[in-house]
Amino acid sequence: MDIQSLKTLMEINAMQSLGAVQSSQSSNGSSLFSELLGEVLQNSDSDTSSNKESSLYYNGNASVFIPPNSSFQNERLISSLSSYTSTSSSPTNYDDIIQRAAAKFNIPEKLISSVIKQESDFDASAVSTAGASGLMQLMPGTAKYLGVNNLFDPEENIMGGAKYLRQMLNQFNGNVETALAAYNAGPGAVKKHDGIPPYKETQNYVNKVMNYFNA
């Protein structure tokens, strides 16, 4: 495109923007300018390679003219993908706490993670209808017994829950399924039924946690 042609087209567009063109024509002003510029750009296809590199691209719909080899579109695509990744992925951010709790109470990390997955799906603000709260859904009385002051603090909740799970494992001779049943229904119910209580909720709970653990 020669400079004079571009100057003429820009003058036409400026006149339309300033109201020099009647309002009845203004609705077509933008498309007229786009068509004219498109024609000039199309004619520039016969230019040499060096001239093509300095021309402008027009996509026909947008009001923005994008230089060839511009990183603008790539940056928008990368930005969109980054946004999608950040919203769609759900890292727990609790791995370090889980690791330390597992080491402190001699419990497999995956078992703690499996309990958290079933109890709260890693939602630190979760509260059940019964009043159990936090990542490992500790009841207020149990939390107090375990020394947990803030049920919604991830570190306190996970450490308290892991401590309680360790106690259940100790009470029931290291049997993971029975310990999970006690974690859900209470050790008294497990002792009363000499094993996993015949409660559908508890049985489903144990099965789901074990499925996560063994996956």
C-alpha atoms as a PDB file:
ATOM      1  CA  MET A   1       0.000   0.000   0.000  1.00  0.00           C
ATOM      2  CA  ASP A   2       1.380   3.440  -0.901  1.00  0.00           C
ATOM      3  CA  ILE A   3       1.317   6.207   1.687  1.00  0.00           C
ATOM      4  CA  GLN A   4      -1.040   8.405  -0.339  1.00  0.00           C
ATOM      5  CA  SER A   5      -3.708   5.678  -0.549  1.00  0.00           C
ATOM      6  CA  LEU A   6      -3.544   5.024   3.165  1.00  0.00           C
ATOM      7  CA  LYS A   7      -3.698   8.763   3.876  1.00  0.00           C
ATOM      8  CA  THR A   8      -6.825   9.126   1.720  1.00  0.00           C
ATOM      9  CA  LEU A   9      -8.576   6.237   3.434  1.00  0.00           C
ATOM     10  CA  MET A  10      -7.724   7.580   6.884  1.00  0.00           C
ATOM     11  CA  GLU A  11      -9.096  10.995   5.895  1.00  0.00           C
ATOM     12  CA  ILE A  12     -12.384   9.396   4.813  1.00  0.00           C
ATOM     13  CA  ASN A  13     -12.652   7.549   8.106  1.00  0.00           C
ATOM     14  CA  ALA A  14     -11.814  10.687  10.089  1.00  0.00           C
ATOM     15  CA  MET A  15     -14.492  12.673   8.271  1.00  0.00           C
ATOM     16  CA  GLN A  16     -17.080  10.020   9.052  1.00  0.00           C
ATOM     17  CA  SER A  17     -16.101  10.002  12.723  1.00  0.00           C
ATOM     18  CA  LEU A  18     -16.379  13.791  12.963  1.00  0.00           C
ATOM     19  CA  GLY A  19     -19.854  13.854  11.437  1.00  0.00           C
ATOM     20  CA  ALA A  20     -18.865  15.209   8.055  1.00  0.00           C
ATOM     21  CA  VAL A  21     -20.900  12.403   6.508  1.00  0.00           C
ATOM     22  CA  GLN A  22     -24.688  12.556   6.982  1.00  0.00           C
ATOM     23  CA  SER A  23     -26.181  10.361   9.692  1.00  0.00           C
ATOM     24  CA  SER A  24     -28.048   8.336   7.087  1.00  0.00           C
ATOM     25  CA  GLN A  25     -24.705   7.262   5.705  1.00  0.00           C
ATOM     26  CA  SER A  26     -22.872   6.852   9.005  1.00  0.00           C
ATOM     27  CA  SER A  27     -24.120   3.338   9.584  1.00  0.00           C
ATOM     28  CA  ASN A  28     -22.321   2.282   6.409  1.00  0.00           C
ATOM     29  CA  GLY A  29     -19.236   4.391   7.022  1.00  0.00           C
ATOM     30  CA  SER A  30     -17.260   1.804   8.885  1.00  0.00           C
ATOM     31  CA  SER A  31     -17.988  -0.898   6.324  1.00  0.00           C
ATOM     32  CA  LEU A  32     -17.134   1.485   3.437  1.00  0.00           C
ATOM     33  CA  PHE A  33     -13.786   2.299   4.987  1.00  0.00           C
ATOM     34  CA  SER A  34     -13.158  -1.403   5.644  1.00  0.00           C
ATOM     35  CA  GLU A  35     -14.014  -2.317   2.046  1.00  0.00           C
ATOM     36  CA  LEU A  36     -11.778   0.381   0.597  1.00  0.00           C
ATOM     37  CA  LEU A  37      -8.891  -0.556   2.789  1.00  0.00           C
ATOM     38  CA  GLY A  38      -9.478  -4.220   2.054  1.00  0.00           C
ATOM     39  CA  GLU A  39      -9.281  -3.545  -1.668  1.00  0.00           C
ATOM     40  CA  VAL A  40      -6.046  -1.609  -1.301  1.00  0.00           C
ATOM     41  CA  LEU A  41      -4.569  -4.380   0.823  1.00  0.00           C
ATOM     42  CA  GLN A  42      -5.686  -7.002  -1.663  1.00  0.00           C
ATOM     43  CA  ASN A  43      -3.999  -5.090  -4.444  1.00  0.00           C
ATOM     44  CA  SER A  44      -0.819  -5.071  -2.408  1.00  0.00           C
ATOM     45  CA  ASP A  45      -0.582  -8.861  -2.826  1.00  0.00           C
ATOM     46  CA  SER A  46       1.420  -8.290  -5.962  1.00  0.00           C
ATOM     47  CA  ASP A  47       4.095  -6.408  -4.028  1.00  0.00           C
ATOM     48  CA  THR A  48       7.534  -7.858  -3.372  1.00  0.00           C
ATOM     49  CA  SER A  49       8.146 -10.024  -0.288  1.00  0.00           C
ATOM     50  CA  SER A  50       9.776  -7.141   1.570  1.00  0.00           C
ATOM     51  CA  ASN A  51       6.725  -4.927   0.960  1.00  0.00           C
ATOM     52  CA  LYS A  52       4.361  -7.676   2.125  1.00  0.00           C
ATOM     53  CA  GLU A  53       6.155  -7.870   5.421  1.00  0.00           C
ATOM     54  CA  SER A  54       5.412  -4.217   6.089  1.00  0.00           C
ATOM     55  CA  SER A  55       1.704  -4.371   5.104  1.00  0.00           C
ATOM     56  CA  LEU A  56      -1.254  -4.725   7.463  1.00  0.00           C
ATOM     57  CA  TYR A  57      -3.673  -7.596   7.828  1.00  0.00           C
ATOM     58  CA  TYR A  58      -7.410  -7.057   8.169  1.00  0.00           C
ATOM     59  CA  ASN A  59      -9.761  -9.840   9.169  1.00  0.00           C
ATOM     60  CA  GLY A  60     -12.935  -8.270   7.743  1.00  0.00           C
ATOM     61  CA  ASN A  61     -14.901  -8.096  11.018  1.00  0.00           C
ATOM     62  CA  ALA A  62     -12.741  -6.556  13.686  1.00  0.00           C
ATOM     63  CA  SER A  63     -11.969  -2.869  13.870  1.00  0.00           C
ATOM     64  CA  VAL A  64      -8.328  -3.578  14.636  1.00  0.00           C
ATOM     65  CA  PHE A  65      -5.593  -3.972  12.041  1.00  0.00           C
ATOM     66  CA  ILE A  66      -2.961  -6.483  13.086  1.00  0.00           C
ATOM     67  CA  PRO A  67       0.608  -6.447  11.730  1.00  0.00           C
ATOM     68  CA  PRO A  68       1.784  -9.752  10.229  1.00  0.00           C
ATOM     69  CA  ASN A  69       3.797 -12.020  12.506  1.00  0.00           C
ATOM     70  CA  SER A  70       2.295 -10.134  15.440  1.00  0.00           C
ATOM     71  CA  SER A  71       2.402 -11.904  18.788  1.00  0.00           C
ATOM     72  CA  PHE A  72      -0.934 -10.279  19.724  1.00  0.00           C
ATOM     73  CA  GLN A  73      -3.097 -13.269  18.789  1.00  0.00           C
ATOM     74  CA  ASN A  74      -0.675 -15.765  20.332  1.00  0.00           C
ATOM     75  CA  GLU A  75      -0.613 -13.774  23.568  1.00  0.00           C
ATOM     76  CA  ARG A  76      -4.420 -13.766  23.674  1.00  0.00           C
ATOM     77  CA  LEU A  77      -4.507 -17.525  23.076  1.00  0.00           C
ATOM     78  CA  ILE A  78      -1.903 -18.186  25.783  1.00  0.00           C
ATOM     79  CA  SER A  79      -3.791 -15.913  28.163  1.00  0.00           C
ATOM     80  CA  SER A  80      -7.046 -17.775  27.492  1.00  0.00           C
ATOM     81  CA  LEU A  81      -5.429 -21.167  28.022  1.00  0.00           C
ATOM     82  CA  SER A  82      -3.764 -19.994  31.223  1.00  0.00           C
ATOM     83  CA  SER A  83      -7.094 -18.728  32.514  1.00  0.00           C
ATOM     84  CA  TYR A  84      -8.769 -22.023  31.658  1.00  0.00           C
ATOM     85  CA  THR A  85      -6.044 -24.022  33.339  1.00  0.00           C
ATOM     86  CA  SER A  86      -6.150 -21.954  36.512  1.00  0.00           C
ATOM     87  CA  THR A  87      -9.907 -22.325  36.856  1.00  0.00           C
ATOM     88  CA  SER A  88     -10.286 -25.904  35.773  1.00  0.00           C
ATOM     89  CA  SER A  89      -7.516 -27.429  37.671  1.00  0.00           C
ATOM     90  CA  SER A  90      -7.925 -27.826  41.456  1.00  0.00           C
ATOM     91  CA  PRO A  91      -4.652 -28.342  43.283  1.00  0.00           C
ATOM     92  CA  THR A  92      -5.269 -29.003  46.956  1.00  0.00           C
ATOM     93  CA  ASN A  93      -2.365 -26.893  48.231  1.00  0.00           C
ATOM     94  CA  TYR A  94      -2.422 -29.152  51.296  1.00  0.00           C
ATOM     95  CA  ASP A  95       0.216 -31.664  50.200  1.00  0.00           C
ATOM     96  CA  ASP A  96       2.849 -30.307  52.563  1.00  0.00           C
ATOM     97  CA  ILE A  97       0.518 -30.472  55.574  1.00  0.00           C
ATOM     98  CA  ILE A  98      -0.638 -33.965  54.630  1.00  0.00           C
ATOM     99  CA  GLN A  99       2.960 -35.101  54.277  1.00  0.00           C
ATOM    100  CA  ARG A 100       3.900 -33.778  57.700  1.00  0.00           C
ATOM    101  CA  ALA A 101       0.778 -35.237  59.323  1.00  0.00           C
ATOM    102  CA  ALA A 102       1.486 -38.610  57.737  1.00  0.00           C
ATOM    103  CA  ALA A 103       5.040 -38.602  59.060  1.00  0.00           C
ATOM    104  CA  LYS A 104       4.007 -37.436  62.522  1.00  0.00           C
ATOM    105  CA  PHE A 105       1.252 -40.013  63.022  1.00  0.00           C
ATOM    106  CA  ASN A 106       2.678 -42.815  60.892  1.00  0.00           C
ATOM    107  CA  ILE A 107      -0.244 -42.922  58.447  1.00  0.00           C
ATOM    108  CA  PRO A 108       0.001 -43.256  54.650  1.00  0.00           C
ATOM    109  CA  GLU A 109      -0.337 -39.878  52.993  1.00  0.00           C
ATOM    110  CA  LYS A 110      -2.838 -41.325  50.550  1.00  0.00           C
ATOM    111  CA  LEU A 111      -5.081 -42.508  53.356  1.00  0.00           C
ATOM    112  CA  ILE A 112      -5.276 -38.998  54.802  1.00  0.00           C
ATOM    113  CA  SER A 113      -5.934 -37.564  51.344  1.00  0.00           C
ATOM    114  CA  SER A 114      -8.635 -40.178  50.751  1.00  0.00           C
ATOM    115  CA  VAL A 115     -10.412 -39.269  53.985  1.00  0.00           C
ATOM    116  CA  ILE A 116     -10.254 -35.567  53.089  1.00  0.00           C
ATOM    117  CA  LYS A 117     -11.582 -36.299  49.605  1.00  0.00           C
ATOM    118  CA  GLN A 118     -14.588 -38.141  50.994  1.00  0.00           C
ATOM    119  CA  GLU A 119     -15.196 -35.847  53.956  1.00  0.00           C
ATOM    120  CA  SER A 120     -14.989 -32.418  52.303  1.00  0.00           C
ATOM    121  CA  ASP A 121     -13.637 -32.816  48.772  1.00  0.00           C
ATOM    122  CA  PHE A 122     -10.756 -30.578  49.905  1.00  0.00           C
ATOM    123  CA  ASP A 123     -13.044 -27.698  50.874  1.00  0.00           C
ATOM    124  CA  ALA A 124     -11.569 -26.147  54.023  1.00  0.00           C
ATOM    125  CA  SER A 125     -14.799 -24.222  54.697  1.00  0.00           C
ATOM    126  CA  ALA A 126     -17.123 -27.238  54.463  1.00  0.00           C
ATOM    127  CA  VAL A 127     -19.716 -27.659  57.217  1.00  0.00           C
ATOM    128  CA  SER A 128     -22.079 -30.629  57.448  1.00  0.00           C
ATOM    129  CA  THR A 129     -25.671 -30.509  58.652  1.00  0.00           C
ATOM    130  CA  ALA A 130     -24.482 -32.238  61.830  1.00  0.00           C
ATOM    131  CA  GLY A 131     -21.906 -29.516  62.471  1.00  0.00           C
ATOM    132  CA  ALA A 132     -18.750 -31.337  61.385  1.00  0.00           C
ATOM    133  CA  SER A 133     -16.382 -28.783  59.907  1.00  0.00           C
ATOM    134  CA  GLY A 134     -13.265 -28.309  57.847  1.00  0.00           C
ATOM    135  CA  LEU A 135     -11.225 -30.553  55.618  1.00  0.00           C
ATOM    136  CA  MET A 136     -11.505 -33.682  57.760  1.00  0.00           C
ATOM    137  CA  GLN A 137     -14.976 -32.808  59.083  1.00  0.00           C
ATOM    138  CA  LEU A 138     -14.261 -32.764  62.785  1.00  0.00           C
ATOM    139  CA  MET A 139     -17.123 -32.356  65.227  1.00  0.00           C
ATOM    140  CA  PRO A 140     -16.653 -29.471  67.706  1.00  0.00           C
ATOM    141  CA  GLY A 141     -16.389 -31.832  70.694  1.00  0.00           C
ATOM    142  CA  THR A 142     -13.874 -34.072  68.950  1.00  0.00           C
ATOM    143  CA  ALA A 143     -11.889 -31.055  67.819  1.00  0.00           C
ATOM    144  CA  LYS A 144     -11.701 -29.754  71.380  1.00  0.00           C
ATOM    145  CA  TYR A 145     -10.537 -33.161  72.597  1.00  0.00           C
ATOM    146  CA  LEU A 146      -7.858 -33.178  69.901  1.00  0.00           C
ATOM    147  CA  GLY A 147      -6.661 -29.671  70.736  1.00  0.00           C
ATOM    148  CA  VAL A 148      -7.949 -28.096  67.536  1.00  0.00           C
ATOM    149  CA  ASN A 149      -8.848 -24.474  68.165  1.00  0.00           C
ATOM    150  CA  ASN A 150      -9.764 -23.389  64.651  1.00  0.00           C
ATOM    151  CA  LEU A 151     -11.666 -26.005  62.688  1.00  0.00           C
ATOM    152  CA  PHE A 152     -11.247 -24.048  59.469  1.00  0.00           C
ATOM    153  CA  ASP A 153      -7.490 -23.744  59.680  1.00  0.00           C
ATOM    154  CA  PRO A 154      -6.175 -26.389  57.231  1.00  0.00           C
ATOM    155  CA  GLU A 155      -3.108 -27.240  59.308  1.00  0.00           C
ATOM    156  CA  GLU A 156      -4.996 -27.608  62.595  1.00  0.00           C
ATOM    157  CA  ASN A 157      -7.804 -29.569  60.965  1.00  0.00           C
ATOM    158  CA  ILE A 158      -5.580 -32.002  59.093  1.00  0.00           C
ATOM    159  CA  MET A 159      -3.280 -32.537  62.051  1.00  0.00           C
ATOM    160  CA  GLY A 160      -6.257 -33.081  64.329  1.00  0.00           C
ATOM    161  CA  GLY A 161      -7.971 -35.437  61.894  1.00  0.00           C
ATOM    162  CA  ALA A 162      -4.803 -37.438  61.327  1.00  0.00           C
ATOM    163  CA  LYS A 163      -4.293 -37.702  65.092  1.00  0.00           C
ATOM    164  CA  TYR A 164      -7.826 -39.021  65.524  1.00  0.00           C
ATOM    165  CA  LEU A 165      -7.413 -41.475  62.660  1.00  0.00           C
ATOM    166  CA  ARG A 166      -4.204 -42.730  64.275  1.00  0.00           C
ATOM    167  CA  GLN A 167      -6.101 -43.294  67.521  1.00  0.00           C
ATOM    168  CA  MET A 168      -8.766 -45.294  65.692  1.00  0.00           C
ATOM    169  CA  LEU A 169      -6.089 -47.414  63.997  1.00  0.00           C
ATOM    170  CA  ASN A 170      -4.498 -48.084  67.377  1.00  0.00           C
ATOM    171  CA  GLN A 171      -7.833 -49.062  68.944  1.00  0.00           C
ATOM    172  CA  PHE A 172      -8.692 -51.500  66.196  1.00  0.00           C
ATOM    173  CA  ASN A 173      -5.344 -53.182  65.707  1.00  0.00           C
ATOM    174  CA  GLY A 174      -4.365 -51.313  62.563  1.00  0.00           C
ATOM    175  CA  ASN A 175      -7.406 -52.481  60.602  1.00  0.00           C
ATOM    176  CA  VAL A 176      -7.919 -49.618  58.135  1.00  0.00           C
ATOM    177  CA  GLU A 177     -11.550 -50.373  57.275  1.00  0.00           C
ATOM    178  CA  THR A 178     -12.586 -50.700  60.900  1.00  0.00           C
ATOM    179  CA  ALA A 179     -10.672 -47.534  61.798  1.00  0.00           C
ATOM    180  CA  LEU A 180     -12.477 -45.668  59.014  1.00  0.00           C
ATOM    181  CA  ALA A 181     -15.817 -46.941  60.282  1.00  0.00           C
ATOM    182  CA  ALA A 182     -14.909 -45.653  63.752  1.00  0.00           C
ATOM    183  CA  TYR A 183     -13.842 -42.318  62.268  1.00  0.00           C
ATOM    184  CA  ASN A 184     -17.280 -42.014  60.678  1.00  0.00           C
ATOM    185  CA  ALA A 185     -19.631 -43.582  63.209  1.00  0.00           C
ATOM    186  CA  GLY A 186     -17.579 -43.413  66.378  1.00  0.00           C
ATOM    187  CA  PRO A 187     -15.547 -46.131  68.122  1.00  0.00           C
ATOM    188  CA  GLY A 188     -18.479 -47.013  70.366  1.00  0.00           C
ATOM    189  CA  ALA A 189     -20.603 -48.108  67.400  1.00  0.00           C
ATOM    190  CA  VAL A 190     -17.780 -50.243  66.045  1.00  0.00           C
ATOM    191  CA  LYS A 191     -17.258 -51.956  69.385  1.00  0.00           C
ATOM    192  CA  LYS A 192     -20.971 -52.503  69.805  1.00  0.00           C
ATOM    193  CA  HIS A 193     -21.229 -54.294  66.448  1.00  0.00           C
ATOM    194  CA  ASP A 194     -17.783 -55.864  66.695  1.00  0.00           C
ATOM    195  CA  GLY A 195     -16.783 -54.404  63.359  1.00  0.00           C
ATOM    196  CA  ILE A 196     -18.201 -52.066  60.743  1.00  0.00           C
ATOM    197  CA  PRO A 197     -21.703 -51.090  61.928  1.00  0.00           C
ATOM    198  CA  PRO A 198     -24.669 -52.070  59.726  1.00  0.00           C
ATOM    199  CA  TYR A 199     -25.282 -48.431  58.858  1.00  0.00           C
ATOM    200  CA  LYS A 200     -25.623 -47.761  55.153  1.00  0.00           C
ATOM    201  CA  GLU A 201     -23.946 -44.372  55.490  1.00  0.00           C
ATOM    202  CA  THR A 202     -20.926 -45.809  57.301  1.00  0.00           C
ATOM    203  CA  GLN A 203     -20.615 -48.770  54.943  1.00  0.00           C
ATOM    204  CA  ASN A 204     -20.729 -46.469  51.920  1.00  0.00           C
ATOM    205  CA  TYR A 205     -18.217 -44.181  53.582  1.00  0.00           C
ATOM    206  CA  VAL A 206     -15.732 -46.982  54.175  1.00  0.00           C
ATOM    207  CA  ASN A 207     -16.140 -48.292  50.619  1.00  0.00           C
ATOM    208  CA  LYS A 208     -15.602 -44.891  49.042  1.00  0.00           C
ATOM    209  CA  VAL A 209     -12.547 -44.012  51.110  1.00  0.00           C
ATOM    210  CA  MET A 210     -11.020 -47.420  50.383  1.00  0.00           C
ATOM    211  CA  ASN A 211     -11.682 -46.964  46.670  1.00  0.00           C
ATOM    212  CA  TYR A 212      -9.799 -43.654  46.732  1.00  0.00           C
ATOM    213  CA  PHE A 213      -7.035 -45.209  48.787  1.00  0.00           C
ATOM    214  CA  ASN A 214      -6.594 -48.228  46.495  1.00  0.00           C
ATOM    215  CA  ALA A 215      -6.952 -46.304  43.219  1.00  0.00           C
END
